[in-house]
Amino acid sequence: MPYQVVTNDNGHHSTWPDHKELPAGWEPTGFLGSEEECAEHIAEVWDGPGPRSGRAPGAAATNVLTTDRIRLRELDPAQVAGLLEVLDGAATSDEYVGNYPLTGTGFGARNFLTRTPEELRFGFGMYLVSAQPDGLAFGDLGFHRPPKDGVAEIGFGLAESARGQGYATEAVAELTRWACTQSGVRRVVARTTADNAGAQGVLGRAGFRLERTEGDILHYAFRLAPDLPDSEPMRDDEEERAALAKLGKVRKAGGDDLAFKAGTDPLRRVVRDGKRLLAYAQSGDKEGVEDPSNHLMFIVVHPAVARRGLAERLLGEVRDHARAHGRTGMVTGTPDEDHPSVAWVRKHGFRPIGHHLITRRDKGAAAVDTPEGLVVDVVDRADAAAAEEFVRLATRTVAEAVMPGGARMTSDPDEIRRDLIEEHTGALLVCRAPDRALGWLALSPLADGEEAFVLAAQVLAEAAGRGVPAALLAAAAGLADEAGAASVTAVAEEEGQRELAETLPGCGFAPVAGRTIWFADVEPTR
């Protein structure tokens, strides 16, 4: 189970399971790892109770980035000063290789210590570079200052013993790509001298291109995925939709069939190499959801062009689009088995806010009795009174439901009537007590030998704990078995639909997969 390091306004640090919601008063520091790694990190950065000196209460800690081979650890002002003391001979340390720190390290450290408090922006400081998992530091890199006018400048240096192994290229590429996903960053630039062939090679391999020369100074600029085409508007035709669905299936990602609210301005972009679809990004106001703060987004990149910065480039476009429309957050989802996507969203500042449990009941599973005192009816759409009763019930439950991140579903009776009574053809079930309706369930159309799906299941808040989900699931399973359906799949959001999620296994629905819901700020505050 992954853990994170969290802190509170009193400066206390602790470990916390990454999938759980944080208690009030605690916030993430940005460090992720096993529980043991998080405990070791706390021992490294925190010397006991007390406010965090040099930072206002609530300010986040420093950044940590990792690749398969190296670890980049951002230093706070006190640690930068300590590094400078080692360089000047006023202190010793066993954290560095023998020929480090460098003379250039001193230039970077002294420049960093001239920053004003307003310039101490999370992630845009000075980093030590070490080998994974716990090797000695053998270099440093970082930013001259926080981004200004959309431009951030990077510098780097490695000890002689660490050169020629690709570490510098790896470090520069990792930090640069992280920077390109942050608010206010449009370009990352770097400078070196005409006689420094090593630095020129590092910059070239990390994706920088020479822009101009001024005397002996070479000016480089970075562009994500420089060898891949720019994005272009997504077409609205059958060929495009088929290509999106195919790529979404390859990546097991989704987002290819998003429906956005009419009258809104969603971002819908694709990257093509000729006729070949390489990636797509979609973001905006999802149909049927009321969320004035966040955009729902999906970015999907073909595995053939993965790890080349294309997803980061598209994330920048998504951020710009959300910012232009006054949104403060972005929400997305990843299948739990899609480990590359899970690692990518974590790496780019997303944190989990919800989890969908995906379950399946196979044909012939043991039947479950309806709880005593409850009955389940199938809605007769031809009965106008029954249909309108269902619409009223669904409107109430939809209005009560809260989605991960605080969003709510659109509780418009006309939309519910259209979607579930007029256009939907599967069975609609209503669970009743003797005096009133308590909850409902919508099934996909049933057919012999085919898969079936519970499209939605909701219960009135006042009926919680009365066994309504069990009654509805038992009735749905009975209908599916009568029709000869091969299986029934049902999904529950574990926090917002806790009773349903806890009821599913007892009704013969076995967990088969999961999907995590993630959130990130458009303007990171860390």
Protein backbone atom coordinates (compact mmCIF):
# COMPACT_ATOMS: atom_id res chain seq x y z
CA MET A 1 0.00 0.00 0.00
CA PRO A 2 1.46 3.41 -0.94
CA TYR A 3 1.82 6.00 1.80
CA GLN A 4 2.46 9.73 1.83
CA VAL A 5 4.11 12.11 4.28
CA VAL A 6 1.68 14.67 5.69
CA THR A 7 2.12 17.67 7.95
CA ASN A 8 -0.05 20.05 9.95
CA ASP A 9 0.13 23.71 10.94
CA ASN A 10 2.05 22.84 14.10
CA GLY A 11 4.84 21.39 12.02
CA HIS A 12 4.16 17.77 13.01
CA HIS A 13 4.84 15.10 10.38
CA SER A 14 3.19 11.71 9.96
CA THR A 15 2.63 8.89 7.48
CA TRP A 16 -0.83 8.37 6.01
CA PRO A 17 -2.28 5.81 3.52
CA ASP A 18 -2.31 7.57 0.15
CA HIS A 19 -5.78 6.33 -0.83
CA LYS A 20 -7.50 7.70 2.28
CA GLU A 21 -8.88 11.20 2.73
CA LEU A 22 -6.69 13.35 4.99
CA PRO A 23 -8.00 14.32 8.43
CA ALA A 24 -8.87 17.98 8.94
CA GLY A 25 -5.82 20.14 9.54
CA TRP A 26 -3.36 17.92 7.68
CA GLU A 27 -1.93 18.41 4.19
CA PRO A 28 0.38 16.45 1.84
CA THR A 29 4.06 17.32 1.60
CA GLY A 30 4.50 15.75 -1.84
CA PHE A 31 6.56 12.75 -0.67
CA LEU A 32 5.20 9.30 -1.61
CA GLY A 33 6.56 5.83 -0.90
CA SER A 34 6.18 2.78 1.28
CA GLU A 35 5.37 3.30 4.96
CA GLU A 36 9.01 2.60 5.82
CA GLU A 37 10.30 5.05 3.18
CA CYS A 38 7.93 7.73 4.46
CA ALA A 39 9.11 7.17 8.04
CA GLU A 40 12.73 7.49 6.90
CA HIS A 41 11.89 10.69 5.03
CA ILE A 42 10.28 12.16 8.16
CA ALA A 43 13.39 11.35 10.17
CA GLU A 44 15.44 13.12 7.51
CA VAL A 45 13.43 16.35 7.23
CA TRP A 46 11.83 16.81 10.66
CA ASP A 47 13.68 17.21 13.94
CA GLY A 48 10.67 17.03 16.26
CA PRO A 49 7.64 19.04 17.36
CA GLY A 50 7.39 22.74 16.65
CA PRO A 51 6.45 25.11 13.85
CA ARG A 52 8.33 24.90 10.58
CA SER A 53 10.85 27.70 10.67
CA GLY A 54 11.06 29.92 7.62
CA ARG A 55 7.61 28.92 6.33
CA ALA A 56 4.19 30.14 7.25
CA PRO A 57 1.86 27.57 8.86
CA GLY A 58 0.17 25.54 6.14
CA ALA A 59 3.00 25.95 3.63
CA ALA A 60 4.03 22.70 2.00
CA ALA A 61 7.44 21.06 2.27
CA THR A 62 9.97 20.61 -0.50
CA ASN A 63 9.60 18.59 -3.69
CA VAL A 64 10.93 15.09 -4.39
CA LEU A 65 11.13 13.57 -7.88
CA THR A 66 12.30 10.09 -8.78
CA THR A 67 13.12 8.05 -11.86
CA ASP A 68 14.15 4.41 -12.07
CA ARG A 69 17.76 5.34 -11.29
CA ILE A 70 17.93 8.67 -9.49
CA ARG A 71 16.27 10.78 -6.83
CA LEU A 72 15.96 14.57 -6.96
CA ARG A 73 15.43 16.12 -3.52
CA GLU A 74 14.68 19.81 -3.25
CA LEU A 75 16.48 21.62 -0.43
CA ASP A 76 14.98 24.15 1.94
CA PRO A 77 16.94 27.35 2.76
CA ALA A 78 18.58 25.84 5.85
CA GLN A 79 19.76 22.82 3.86
CA VAL A 80 21.14 25.05 1.09
CA ALA A 81 23.06 27.01 3.72
CA GLY A 82 24.41 23.74 5.14
CA LEU A 83 25.55 22.64 1.68
CA LEU A 84 27.40 25.94 1.31
CA GLU A 85 29.12 25.41 4.67
CA VAL A 86 30.44 22.04 3.47
CA LEU A 87 31.73 23.63 0.27
CA ASP A 88 33.45 26.42 2.21
CA GLY A 89 35.05 23.94 4.63
CA ALA A 90 33.12 25.17 7.65
CA ALA A 91 31.35 21.80 8.06
CA THR A 92 31.64 18.18 6.96
CA SER A 93 29.05 15.70 5.74
CA ASP A 94 28.91 12.01 4.81
CA GLU A 95 25.92 12.56 2.49
CA TYR A 96 27.98 13.42 -0.60
CA VAL A 97 30.49 11.64 -2.84
CA GLY A 98 34.10 12.62 -2.31
CA ASN A 99 34.44 15.17 -5.11
CA TYR A 100 31.20 17.01 -4.38
CA PRO A 101 30.02 19.83 -3.81
CA LEU A 102 31.38 21.66 -6.86
CA THR A 103 32.49 25.24 -7.29
CA GLY A 104 29.35 25.77 -9.40
CA THR A 105 27.31 24.43 -6.51
CA GLY A 106 28.43 27.44 -4.52
CA PHE A 107 27.25 29.86 -7.20
CA GLY A 108 23.82 28.24 -7.25
CA ALA A 109 23.56 28.08 -3.45
CA ARG A 110 24.53 31.73 -2.94
CA ASN A 111 22.07 32.80 -5.64
CA PHE A 112 19.31 30.77 -3.95
CA LEU A 113 19.96 32.36 -0.55
CA THR A 114 19.33 35.83 -2.02
CA ARG A 115 15.70 34.95 -2.74
CA THR A 116 12.90 36.83 -1.05
CA PRO A 117 10.19 34.84 0.79
CA GLU A 118 7.87 35.40 -2.18
CA GLU A 119 10.41 33.66 -4.43
CA LEU A 120 10.47 30.45 -2.39
CA ARG A 121 7.95 28.68 -4.59
CA PHE A 122 7.49 24.94 -4.13
CA GLY A 123 9.56 22.92 -6.57
CA PHE A 124 11.46 25.82 -8.13
CA GLY A 125 14.50 25.71 -5.87
CA MET A 126 17.77 23.78 -5.67
CA TYR A 127 17.90 19.96 -5.79
CA LEU A 128 20.44 17.32 -4.83
CA VAL A 129 20.84 14.38 -7.21
CA SER A 130 21.53 10.91 -5.81
CA ALA A 131 21.24 7.33 -6.98
CA GLN A 132 18.17 5.33 -6.03
CA PRO A 133 17.21 4.30 -3.47
CA ASP A 134 19.55 5.86 -0.90
CA GLY A 135 22.87 6.64 -2.56
CA LEU A 136 25.15 9.58 -1.83
CA ALA A 137 24.46 12.90 -3.54
CA PHE A 138 26.70 13.40 -6.55
CA GLY A 139 25.27 16.55 -8.15
CA ASP A 140 22.78 19.35 -8.07
CA LEU A 141 20.40 21.15 -10.37
CA GLY A 142 17.60 23.61 -10.04
CA PHE A 143 16.08 26.90 -11.12
CA HIS A 144 17.72 30.29 -11.02
CA ARG A 145 14.45 31.84 -9.89
CA PRO A 146 10.73 30.92 -9.97
CA PRO A 147 9.05 31.33 -13.38
CA LYS A 148 8.82 34.89 -14.66
CA ASP A 149 6.69 35.83 -17.66
CA GLY A 150 6.18 32.11 -18.27
CA VAL A 151 9.91 31.30 -18.43
CA ALA A 152 11.94 29.23 -15.96
CA GLU A 153 15.73 28.85 -16.29
CA ILE A 154 17.48 25.67 -15.22
CA GLY A 155 21.10 24.92 -14.29
CA PHE A 156 22.91 21.70 -13.35
CA GLY A 157 26.26 20.18 -12.38
CA LEU A 158 27.52 16.67 -11.52
CA ALA A 159 30.65 15.42 -9.81
CA GLU A 160 33.31 14.06 -12.15
CA SER A 161 32.76 10.50 -10.90
CA ALA A 162 29.07 10.60 -11.91
CA ARG A 163 29.50 11.89 -15.45
CA GLY A 164 29.20 9.84 -18.62
CA GLN A 165 26.46 7.60 -17.22
CA GLY A 166 23.38 9.51 -18.38
CA TYR A 167 22.52 10.81 -14.91
CA ALA A 168 22.64 14.48 -15.92
CA THR A 169 20.35 13.94 -18.92
CA GLU A 170 17.92 11.95 -16.78
CA ALA A 171 17.87 14.59 -14.04
CA VAL A 172 17.47 17.56 -16.36
CA ALA A 173 14.73 15.85 -18.37
CA GLU A 174 12.81 14.86 -15.23
CA LEU A 175 12.92 18.28 -13.59
CA THR A 176 12.14 20.06 -16.85
CA ARG A 177 9.13 17.92 -17.60
CA TRP A 178 7.83 18.46 -14.06
CA ALA A 179 8.24 22.23 -14.50
CA CYS A 180 6.29 22.19 -17.74
CA THR A 181 3.23 20.87 -15.90
CA GLN A 182 3.24 23.70 -13.35
CA SER A 183 1.21 26.87 -13.37
CA GLY A 184 2.78 29.83 -15.12
CA VAL A 185 5.43 27.84 -17.01
CA ARG A 186 5.41 28.15 -20.79
CA ARG A 187 9.10 27.56 -21.50
CA VAL A 188 12.17 26.20 -19.75
CA VAL A 189 15.50 27.62 -20.87
CA ALA A 190 19.16 26.99 -20.10
CA ARG A 191 22.53 28.55 -20.87
CA THR A 192 26.00 27.09 -21.30
CA THR A 193 29.29 28.07 -22.88
CA ALA A 194 30.58 27.30 -26.34
CA ASP A 195 33.44 25.18 -24.96
CA ASN A 196 31.23 23.03 -22.67
CA ALA A 197 30.46 20.16 -25.03
CA GLY A 198 29.26 17.96 -22.15
CA ALA A 199 26.52 20.38 -21.09
CA GLN A 200 25.50 20.92 -24.69
CA GLY A 201 25.09 17.17 -25.12
CA VAL A 202 23.02 16.86 -21.94
CA LEU A 203 20.68 19.64 -23.02
CA GLY A 204 20.25 18.19 -26.49
CA ARG A 205 19.46 14.70 -25.20
CA ALA A 206 17.01 16.14 -22.64
CA GLY A 207 14.96 17.78 -25.38
CA PHE A 208 16.44 21.29 -25.45
CA ARG A 209 17.22 23.01 -28.73
CA LEU A 210 19.75 25.75 -29.41
CA GLU A 211 17.93 29.01 -30.03
CA ARG A 212 20.67 31.59 -30.34
CA THR A 213 24.31 32.39 -29.57
CA GLU A 214 25.54 35.56 -27.86
CA GLY A 215 29.33 35.62 -27.85
CA ASP A 216 30.48 32.49 -26.01
CA ILE A 217 27.05 31.92 -24.43
CA LEU A 218 24.67 29.40 -26.00
CA HIS A 219 20.96 29.82 -25.23
CA TYR A 220 18.80 26.67 -25.22
CA ALA A 221 15.02 26.23 -24.88
CA PHE A 222 13.00 23.12 -24.10
CA ARG A 223 9.91 21.93 -25.91
CA LEU A 224 8.05 18.84 -24.79
CA ALA A 225 8.09 16.05 -27.38
CA PRO A 226 9.89 18.23 -29.96
CA ASP A 227 9.84 15.50 -32.60
CA LEU A 228 6.09 14.91 -32.36
CA PRO A 229 3.36 16.98 -34.08
CA ASP A 230 1.39 19.72 -32.36
CA SER A 231 -2.14 18.98 -31.21
CA GLU A 232 -5.08 19.88 -33.42
CA PRO A 233 -8.85 20.04 -32.96
CA MET A 234 -10.63 16.70 -32.68
CA ARG A 235 -12.95 15.94 -35.59
CA ASP A 236 -16.55 14.97 -34.95
CA ASP A 237 -16.97 12.06 -37.37
CA GLU A 238 -17.21 8.28 -37.25
CA GLU A 239 -13.59 7.71 -38.30
CA GLU A 240 -12.31 9.92 -35.48
CA ARG A 241 -14.58 8.32 -32.89
CA ALA A 242 -13.44 4.85 -33.95
CA ALA A 243 -9.78 5.89 -33.64
CA LEU A 244 -10.40 7.35 -30.17
CA ALA A 245 -12.16 4.19 -29.02
CA LYS A 246 -9.35 2.01 -30.36
CA LEU A 247 -6.64 4.02 -28.58
CA GLY A 248 -8.69 4.15 -25.39
CA LYS A 249 -9.01 0.36 -25.47
CA VAL A 250 -5.27 -0.09 -26.06
CA ARG A 251 -4.51 2.02 -22.99
CA LYS A 252 -7.53 0.77 -20.96
CA ALA A 253 -7.97 4.44 -20.19
CA GLY A 254 -11.38 5.74 -21.23
CA GLY A 255 -12.27 9.32 -21.91
CA ASP A 256 -12.89 8.63 -25.60
CA ASP A 257 -16.67 8.89 -25.27
CA LEU A 258 -17.04 11.88 -22.94
CA ALA A 259 -20.24 13.87 -23.41
CA PHE A 260 -19.94 17.52 -22.47
CA LYS A 261 -22.67 19.97 -21.54
CA ALA A 262 -24.35 21.64 -24.46
CA GLY A 263 -23.36 25.27 -24.88
CA THR A 264 -20.00 24.88 -23.13
CA ASP A 265 -16.52 25.10 -24.64
CA PRO A 266 -14.70 21.81 -23.96
CA LEU A 267 -11.09 21.14 -24.91
CA ARG A 268 -10.98 18.31 -27.48
CA ARG A 269 -7.53 17.88 -29.03
CA VAL A 270 -5.69 15.08 -30.82
CA VAL A 271 -2.11 14.50 -31.94
CA ARG A 272 -1.70 12.71 -35.25
CA ASP A 273 1.22 11.46 -37.28
CA GLY A 274 -0.40 11.43 -40.69
CA LYS A 275 -3.48 9.28 -40.24
CA ARG A 276 -2.17 7.58 -37.12
CA LEU A 277 -3.67 8.79 -33.83
CA LEU A 278 -0.91 9.23 -31.24
CA ALA A 279 -2.79 10.88 -28.36
CA TYR A 280 -5.90 12.73 -27.35
CA ALA A 281 -6.93 15.10 -24.57
CA GLN A 282 -10.47 15.98 -23.53
CA SER A 283 -11.47 18.32 -20.73
CA GLY A 284 -14.52 20.35 -19.76
CA ASP A 285 -17.93 20.32 -18.09
CA LYS A 286 -19.31 16.78 -18.19
CA GLU A 287 -22.93 16.34 -19.19
CA GLY A 288 -25.10 15.51 -16.20
CA VAL A 289 -22.66 16.90 -13.61
CA GLU A 290 -22.81 20.19 -11.72
CA ASP A 291 -19.27 21.23 -10.79
CA PRO A 292 -18.48 24.95 -11.05
CA SER A 293 -14.91 24.49 -9.77
CA ASN A 294 -13.42 21.59 -11.72
CA HIS A 295 -13.08 20.22 -15.23
CA LEU A 296 -13.20 16.50 -15.91
CA MET A 297 -10.19 15.56 -18.06
CA PHE A 298 -8.60 12.59 -19.78
CA ILE A 299 -5.23 12.41 -21.53
CA VAL A 300 -4.39 9.23 -23.43
CA VAL A 301 -1.09 8.58 -25.22
CA HIS A 302 -0.27 5.60 -27.43
CA PRO A 303 2.36 3.31 -25.81
CA ALA A 304 4.58 3.70 -28.87
CA VAL A 305 5.22 7.37 -28.03
CA ALA A 306 5.04 7.14 -24.23
CA ARG A 307 7.66 8.75 -21.95
CA ARG A 308 8.56 11.40 -24.51
CA GLY A 309 6.78 14.35 -22.90
CA LEU A 310 3.67 14.30 -25.06
CA ALA A 311 1.31 13.75 -22.12
CA GLU A 312 2.97 16.60 -20.21
CA ARG A 313 2.54 18.87 -23.21
CA LEU A 314 -1.17 18.03 -23.39
CA LEU A 315 -1.51 18.53 -19.62
CA GLY A 316 -0.23 22.06 -20.13
CA GLU A 317 -2.99 22.64 -22.68
CA VAL A 318 -5.58 21.22 -20.28
CA ARG A 319 -4.37 23.52 -17.49
CA ASP A 320 -4.48 26.56 -19.77
CA HIS A 321 -8.01 25.69 -20.89
CA ALA A 322 -9.24 25.21 -17.32
CA ARG A 323 -7.61 28.45 -16.21
CA ALA A 324 -9.18 30.37 -19.09
CA HIS A 325 -12.63 29.10 -18.04
CA GLY A 326 -12.21 30.03 -14.39
CA ARG A 327 -11.75 26.49 -13.08
CA THR A 328 -9.51 25.81 -10.10
CA GLY A 329 -9.20 22.04 -10.32
CA MET A 330 -8.97 19.04 -12.64
CA VAL A 331 -10.50 15.61 -12.04
CA THR A 332 -9.62 12.39 -13.83
CA GLY A 333 -9.78 8.62 -13.33
CA THR A 334 -7.45 5.67 -13.84
CA PRO A 335 -8.02 1.90 -13.74
CA ASP A 336 -6.15 0.45 -10.77
CA GLU A 337 -4.39 -2.08 -13.01
CA ASP A 338 -3.07 0.68 -15.30
CA HIS A 339 0.12 1.18 -13.29
CA PRO A 340 1.82 3.58 -15.76
CA SER A 341 -1.16 5.96 -15.62
CA VAL A 342 -1.38 5.74 -11.82
CA ALA A 343 2.31 6.59 -11.55
CA TRP A 344 1.92 9.46 -14.05
CA VAL A 345 -0.95 11.21 -12.28
CA ARG A 346 0.83 10.91 -8.92
CA LYS A 347 3.97 12.33 -10.45
CA HIS A 348 2.08 15.33 -11.78
CA GLY A 349 0.47 16.40 -8.55
CA PHE A 350 -2.84 14.52 -8.61
CA ARG A 351 -4.11 13.05 -5.37
CA PRO A 352 -6.83 10.41 -4.88
CA ILE A 353 -10.28 11.68 -3.87
CA GLY A 354 -12.42 8.62 -4.51
CA HIS A 355 -12.46 5.00 -5.60
CA HIS A 356 -14.95 2.99 -7.63
CA LEU A 357 -15.32 -0.69 -6.75
CA ILE A 358 -16.13 -2.75 -9.85
CA THR A 359 -17.87 -6.06 -9.18
CA ARG A 360 -19.39 -8.90 -11.21
CA ARG A 361 -21.96 -11.57 -10.44
CA ASP A 362 -21.76 -14.58 -12.74
CA LYS A 363 -24.77 -16.57 -13.88
CA GLY A 364 -25.80 -19.18 -11.34
CA ALA A 365 -24.40 -17.45 -8.27
CA ALA A 366 -26.36 -18.14 -5.10
CA ALA A 367 -29.60 -16.18 -4.84
CA VAL A 368 -30.12 -13.67 -2.04
CA ASP A 369 -33.45 -13.07 -0.33
CA THR A 370 -35.02 -9.62 -0.20
CA PRO A 371 -34.76 -8.15 3.31
CA GLU A 372 -37.94 -8.42 5.34
CA GLY A 373 -40.35 -5.50 5.05
CA LEU A 374 -39.18 -4.47 1.57
CA VAL A 375 -40.56 -5.22 -1.89
CA VAL A 376 -39.13 -4.51 -5.32
CA ASP A 377 -41.28 -3.67 -8.35
CA VAL A 378 -40.39 -3.34 -12.02
CA VAL A 379 -41.55 0.04 -13.33
CA ASP A 380 -44.15 -0.16 -16.09
CA ARG A 381 -43.20 2.69 -18.42
CA ALA A 382 -46.66 2.56 -19.99
CA ASP A 383 -48.18 3.48 -16.62
CA ALA A 384 -47.85 7.27 -16.56
CA ALA A 385 -48.36 7.47 -12.80
CA ALA A 386 -45.70 4.83 -12.10
CA ALA A 387 -43.28 6.50 -14.50
CA GLU A 388 -43.74 9.89 -12.87
CA GLU A 389 -43.33 8.38 -9.40
CA PHE A 390 -40.00 6.95 -10.56
CA VAL A 391 -38.91 10.33 -11.96
CA ARG A 392 -39.71 12.03 -8.64
CA LEU A 393 -37.78 9.38 -6.70
CA ALA A 394 -34.75 9.53 -8.99
CA THR A 395 -34.75 13.33 -8.89
CA ARG A 396 -34.58 13.23 -5.07
CA THR A 397 -31.79 10.65 -4.89
CA VAL A 398 -29.75 12.40 -7.59
CA ALA A 399 -30.07 15.70 -5.74
CA GLU A 400 -28.78 14.05 -2.55
CA ALA A 401 -25.81 12.29 -4.16
CA VAL A 402 -22.35 13.82 -3.81
CA MET A 403 -19.57 12.73 -6.16
CA PRO A 404 -15.83 12.60 -5.36
CA GLY A 405 -14.51 16.14 -5.04
CA GLY A 406 -17.91 17.56 -4.08
CA ALA A 407 -19.52 17.60 -7.52
CA ARG A 408 -23.20 16.80 -7.87
CA MET A 409 -25.24 15.17 -10.58
CA THR A 410 -27.78 17.24 -12.49
CA SER A 411 -31.17 16.66 -10.83
CA ASP A 412 -33.36 17.87 -13.67
CA PRO A 413 -36.62 15.88 -13.86
CA ASP A 414 -36.89 16.42 -17.61
CA GLU A 415 -33.41 14.97 -18.19
CA ILE A 416 -34.11 12.02 -15.91
CA ARG A 417 -37.43 11.35 -17.68
CA ARG A 418 -35.73 11.52 -21.09
CA ASP A 419 -32.71 9.38 -20.14
CA LEU A 420 -34.39 6.66 -18.05
CA ILE A 421 -38.05 6.57 -19.11
CA GLU A 422 -38.06 7.57 -22.77
CA GLU A 423 -34.65 6.49 -24.13
CA HIS A 424 -33.52 3.71 -21.76
CA THR A 425 -34.98 0.28 -22.51
CA GLY A 426 -33.61 -1.83 -19.65
CA ALA A 427 -35.53 -2.70 -16.50
CA LEU A 428 -36.13 -0.01 -13.87
CA LEU A 429 -36.56 -1.34 -10.33
CA VAL A 430 -38.04 0.49 -7.34
CA CYS A 431 -37.64 -0.72 -3.77
CA ARG A 432 -40.54 0.08 -1.43
CA ALA A 433 -41.47 -0.07 2.19
CA PRO A 434 -45.22 -0.34 2.86
CA ASP A 435 -45.60 3.44 2.94
CA ARG A 436 -43.19 4.82 0.31
CA ALA A 437 -40.48 4.26 -2.31
CA LEU A 438 -36.92 4.18 -0.91
CA GLY A 439 -34.53 3.54 -3.79
CA TRP A 440 -34.13 2.49 -7.41
CA LEU A 441 -31.89 0.60 -9.82
CA ALA A 442 -31.49 0.74 -13.61
CA LEU A 443 -30.40 -2.36 -15.54
CA SER A 444 -29.05 -2.55 -19.06
CA PRO A 445 -31.17 -4.57 -21.51
CA LEU A 446 -30.92 -8.30 -20.73
CA ALA A 447 -30.19 -11.01 -23.29
CA ASP A 448 -29.37 -14.71 -23.12
CA GLY A 449 -25.61 -15.28 -22.83
CA GLU A 450 -24.76 -11.57 -22.82
CA GLU A 451 -23.22 -9.37 -20.17
CA ALA A 452 -25.56 -7.07 -18.22
CA PHE A 453 -24.78 -3.95 -16.22
CA VAL A 454 -26.27 -2.10 -13.28
CA LEU A 455 -26.25 1.37 -14.84
CA ALA A 456 -27.18 3.17 -11.62
CA ALA A 457 -28.47 2.39 -8.13
CA GLN A 458 -29.43 5.04 -5.59
CA VAL A 459 -31.12 5.12 -2.20
CA LEU A 460 -32.75 7.99 -0.33
CA ALA A 461 -30.58 9.25 2.51
CA GLU A 462 -33.42 8.68 4.99
CA ALA A 463 -33.49 4.97 4.03
CA ALA A 464 -29.81 4.28 4.79
CA GLY A 465 -29.21 1.10 6.75
CA ARG A 466 -32.55 -0.51 5.89
CA GLY A 467 -31.20 -3.03 3.37
CA VAL A 468 -32.45 -1.27 0.25
CA PRO A 469 -29.29 -1.99 -1.83
CA ALA A 470 -29.55 -5.70 -0.97
CA ALA A 471 -33.21 -5.78 -2.06
CA LEU A 472 -32.48 -4.05 -5.36
CA LEU A 473 -29.43 -6.24 -6.13
CA ALA A 474 -31.34 -9.43 -5.33
CA ALA A 475 -34.13 -8.41 -7.70
CA ALA A 476 -31.65 -7.42 -10.45
CA ALA A 477 -29.84 -10.74 -10.11
CA GLY A 478 -33.13 -12.61 -10.35
CA LEU A 479 -34.11 -10.82 -13.56
CA ALA A 480 -30.68 -11.46 -15.07
CA ASP A 481 -30.84 -15.16 -14.25
CA GLU A 482 -34.34 -15.45 -15.74
CA ALA A 483 -33.08 -13.85 -18.97
CA GLY A 484 -30.00 -16.10 -19.07
CA ALA A 485 -27.54 -13.21 -18.85
CA ALA A 486 -23.95 -14.43 -18.53
CA SER A 487 -23.09 -11.94 -15.80
CA VAL A 488 -24.09 -8.66 -14.16
CA THR A 489 -21.51 -5.96 -13.48
CA ALA A 490 -22.11 -3.29 -10.82
CA VAL A 491 -20.00 -0.33 -9.75
CA ALA A 492 -20.10 1.61 -6.46
CA GLU A 493 -18.18 4.66 -5.28
CA GLU A 494 -16.78 3.41 -1.99
CA GLU A 495 -17.26 6.62 -0.01
CA GLY A 496 -20.36 8.21 -1.54
CA GLN A 497 -22.14 4.83 -1.95
CA ARG A 498 -20.71 3.06 1.07
CA GLU A 499 -23.76 0.92 1.83
CA LEU A 500 -23.98 -0.26 -1.77
CA ALA A 501 -20.23 -1.02 -1.88
CA GLU A 502 -20.44 -3.00 1.36
CA THR A 503 -23.56 -4.86 0.20
CA LEU A 504 -22.32 -6.03 -3.22
CA PRO A 505 -20.06 -8.92 -2.06
CA GLY A 506 -22.81 -10.39 0.13
CA CYS A 507 -25.15 -10.43 -2.89
CA GLY A 508 -22.80 -12.53 -5.01
CA PHE A 509 -20.99 -9.62 -6.70
CA ALA A 510 -17.26 -10.35 -6.49
CA PRO A 511 -14.71 -7.50 -6.82
CA VAL A 512 -12.98 -7.72 -10.21
CA ALA A 513 -11.36 -4.29 -10.65
CA GLY A 514 -11.24 -0.74 -9.38
CA ARG A 515 -10.92 2.80 -10.63
CA THR A 516 -9.37 5.66 -8.69
CA ILE A 517 -10.61 9.24 -9.02
CA TRP A 518 -7.89 11.91 -8.84
CA PHE A 519 -7.79 15.68 -8.31
CA ALA A 520 -5.13 18.31 -9.01
CA ASP A 521 -5.12 22.08 -8.64
CA VAL A 522 -4.96 24.12 -11.82
CA GLU A 523 -2.75 26.57 -9.94
CA PRO A 524 -0.64 24.39 -7.61
CA THR A 525 -0.34 25.87 -4.13
CA ARG A 526 2.48 23.64 -3.01
